[in-house]
């Protein structure tokens, strides 16, 4: 996945959010991470695709 030693170290120390790590992983696999919030009354807030920070 072409992750540098420095980047792996940041992940290990918890300096990078889980969402950022997940977004990069999904992009590395050729996909897009999509975020939506679903409420009990059926309403959905769709925040769209989350772009991985490069």
N, C-alpha and C. Protein backbone atom coordinates (compact mmCIF):
# COMPACT_ATOMS: atom_id res chain seq x y z
N UNK A 1 0.82 -1.21 0.00
CA UNK A 1 0.00 0.00 0.00
C UNK A 1 0.85 1.25 0.00
N UNK A 2 2.13 1.11 -0.13
CA UNK A 2 3.02 2.25 -0.26
C UNK A 2 2.92 3.21 0.93
N UNK A 3 3.12 2.69 2.14
CA UNK A 3 3.10 3.49 3.36
C UNK A 3 4.53 3.66 3.85
N UNK A 4 4.93 4.91 4.08
CA UNK A 4 6.30 5.16 4.55
C UNK A 4 6.44 4.73 6.01
N UNK A 5 7.69 4.57 6.44
CA UNK A 5 7.95 4.22 7.84
C UNK A 5 7.44 5.31 8.77
N UNK A 6 7.61 6.55 8.36
CA UNK A 6 7.13 7.68 9.17
C UNK A 6 5.62 7.66 9.33
N UNK A 7 4.92 7.35 8.24
CA UNK A 7 3.46 7.28 8.28
C UNK A 7 3.01 6.12 9.17
N UNK A 8 3.64 4.98 9.05
CA UNK A 8 3.31 3.83 9.89
C UNK A 8 3.53 4.17 11.35
N UNK A 9 4.59 4.91 11.66
CA UNK A 9 4.88 5.31 13.02
C UNK A 9 3.79 6.24 13.56
N UNK A 10 3.32 7.18 12.74
CA UNK A 10 2.25 8.09 13.16
C UNK A 10 0.97 7.30 13.49
N UNK A 11 0.67 6.31 12.67
CA UNK A 11 -0.50 5.46 12.90
C UNK A 11 -0.34 4.71 14.21
N UNK A 12 0.83 4.13 14.42
CA UNK A 12 1.08 3.35 15.63
C UNK A 12 0.98 4.20 16.90
N UNK A 13 1.42 5.45 16.82
CA UNK A 13 1.38 6.33 17.99
C UNK A 13 0.02 6.99 18.18
N UNK A 14 -0.90 6.76 17.25
CA UNK A 14 -2.25 7.33 17.38
C UNK A 14 -2.35 8.78 16.97
N UNK A 15 -1.39 9.26 16.18
CA UNK A 15 -1.41 10.66 15.75
C UNK A 15 -2.30 10.90 14.54
N UNK A 16 -2.88 9.85 14.01
CA UNK A 16 -3.74 9.97 12.83
C UNK A 16 -5.08 9.36 13.20
N UNK A 17 -6.16 10.05 12.81
CA UNK A 17 -7.50 9.56 13.17
C UNK A 17 -7.84 8.27 12.44
N UNK A 18 -8.71 7.49 13.03
CA UNK A 18 -9.16 6.26 12.41
C UNK A 18 -9.83 6.50 11.07
N UNK A 19 -10.56 7.60 10.96
CA UNK A 19 -11.26 7.90 9.71
C UNK A 19 -10.26 8.19 8.60
N UNK A 20 -9.18 8.89 8.92
CA UNK A 20 -8.14 9.18 7.92
C UNK A 20 -7.49 7.89 7.45
N UNK A 21 -7.16 7.00 8.39
CA UNK A 21 -6.54 5.72 8.05
C UNK A 21 -7.48 4.90 7.17
N UNK A 22 -8.76 4.84 7.57
CA UNK A 22 -9.74 4.08 6.80
C UNK A 22 -9.92 4.65 5.40
N UNK A 23 -9.98 5.97 5.28
CA UNK A 23 -10.14 6.62 3.97
C UNK A 23 -8.97 6.29 3.06
N UNK A 24 -7.75 6.35 3.59
CA UNK A 24 -6.56 6.03 2.78
C UNK A 24 -6.57 4.56 2.35
N UNK A 25 -6.99 3.68 3.26
CA UNK A 25 -7.05 2.25 2.96
C UNK A 25 -8.04 1.99 1.83
N UNK A 26 -9.21 2.61 1.91
CA UNK A 26 -10.25 2.43 0.89
C UNK A 26 -9.76 2.95 -0.46
N UNK A 27 -9.13 4.11 -0.47
CA UNK A 27 -8.60 4.67 -1.72
C UNK A 27 -7.52 3.76 -2.29
N UNK A 28 -6.66 3.20 -1.43
CA UNK A 28 -5.61 2.29 -1.90
C UNK A 28 -6.20 1.05 -2.57
N UNK A 29 -7.41 0.67 -2.13
CA UNK A 29 -8.09 -0.48 -2.74
C UNK A 29 -8.89 -0.09 -3.98
N UNK A 30 -8.88 1.21 -4.31
CA UNK A 30 -9.57 1.68 -5.51
C UNK A 30 -11.01 2.11 -5.27
N UNK A 31 -11.38 2.30 -4.00
CA UNK A 31 -12.75 2.68 -3.69
C UNK A 31 -12.86 4.09 -3.15
N UNK A 32 -14.06 4.42 -2.65
CA UNK A 32 -14.34 5.71 -2.03
C UNK A 32 -15.05 5.44 -0.71
N UNK A 33 -14.70 6.20 0.31
CA UNK A 33 -15.36 6.09 1.61
C UNK A 33 -16.52 7.08 1.61
N UNK A 34 -17.70 6.61 1.98
CA UNK A 34 -18.91 7.44 1.96
C UNK A 34 -19.47 7.49 3.37
N UNK A 35 -19.87 8.69 3.81
CA UNK A 35 -20.39 8.86 5.16
C UNK A 35 -21.83 9.34 5.13
N UNK A 36 -22.68 8.70 5.92
CA UNK A 36 -24.08 9.11 6.06
C UNK A 36 -24.51 8.87 7.50
N UNK A 37 -25.44 9.68 7.97
CA UNK A 37 -25.99 9.53 9.31
C UNK A 37 -27.47 9.20 9.18
N UNK A 38 -27.87 8.08 9.78
CA UNK A 38 -29.27 7.63 9.71
C UNK A 38 -29.91 7.80 11.08
N UNK A 39 -31.07 8.48 11.14
CA UNK A 39 -31.77 8.71 12.38
C UNK A 39 -32.94 7.74 12.52
N UNK A 40 -33.39 7.53 13.76
CA UNK A 40 -34.47 6.59 14.03
C UNK A 40 -35.76 6.92 13.29
N UNK A 41 -36.00 8.23 13.02
CA UNK A 41 -37.23 8.61 12.32
C UNK A 41 -37.15 8.43 10.81
N UNK A 42 -36.03 7.88 10.34
CA UNK A 42 -35.88 7.60 8.91
C UNK A 42 -35.13 8.67 8.14
N UNK A 43 -34.93 9.84 8.77
CA UNK A 43 -34.18 10.90 8.09
C UNK A 43 -32.73 10.47 7.91
N UNK A 44 -32.15 10.87 6.79
CA UNK A 44 -30.76 10.54 6.50
C UNK A 44 -30.02 11.83 6.14
N UNK A 45 -28.89 12.07 6.81
CA UNK A 45 -28.00 13.16 6.45
C UNK A 45 -26.84 12.54 5.70
N UNK A 46 -26.70 12.91 4.45
CA UNK A 46 -25.66 12.33 3.60
C UNK A 46 -24.56 13.36 3.42
N UNK A 47 -23.39 13.08 3.98
CA UNK A 47 -22.25 14.00 3.92
C UNK A 47 -21.38 13.74 2.70
N UNK A 48 -21.73 12.79 1.88
CA UNK A 48 -20.99 12.52 0.66
C UNK A 48 -19.69 11.77 0.88
N UNK A 49 -18.88 11.77 -0.16
CA UNK A 49 -17.60 11.05 -0.12
C UNK A 49 -16.60 11.78 0.76
N UNK A 50 -15.80 11.02 1.46
CA UNK A 50 -14.73 11.54 2.30
C UNK A 50 -13.43 11.38 1.51
N UNK A 51 -12.80 12.48 1.16
CA UNK A 51 -11.56 12.40 0.38
C UNK A 51 -10.40 12.11 1.32
N UNK A 52 -9.55 11.20 0.91
CA UNK A 52 -8.35 10.90 1.70
C UNK A 52 -7.36 12.04 1.51
N UNK A 53 -6.75 12.44 2.61
CA UNK A 53 -5.74 13.49 2.57
C UNK A 53 -4.43 12.86 2.15
N UNK A 54 -3.81 13.42 1.14
CA UNK A 54 -2.53 12.86 0.67
C UNK A 54 -1.38 13.77 1.01
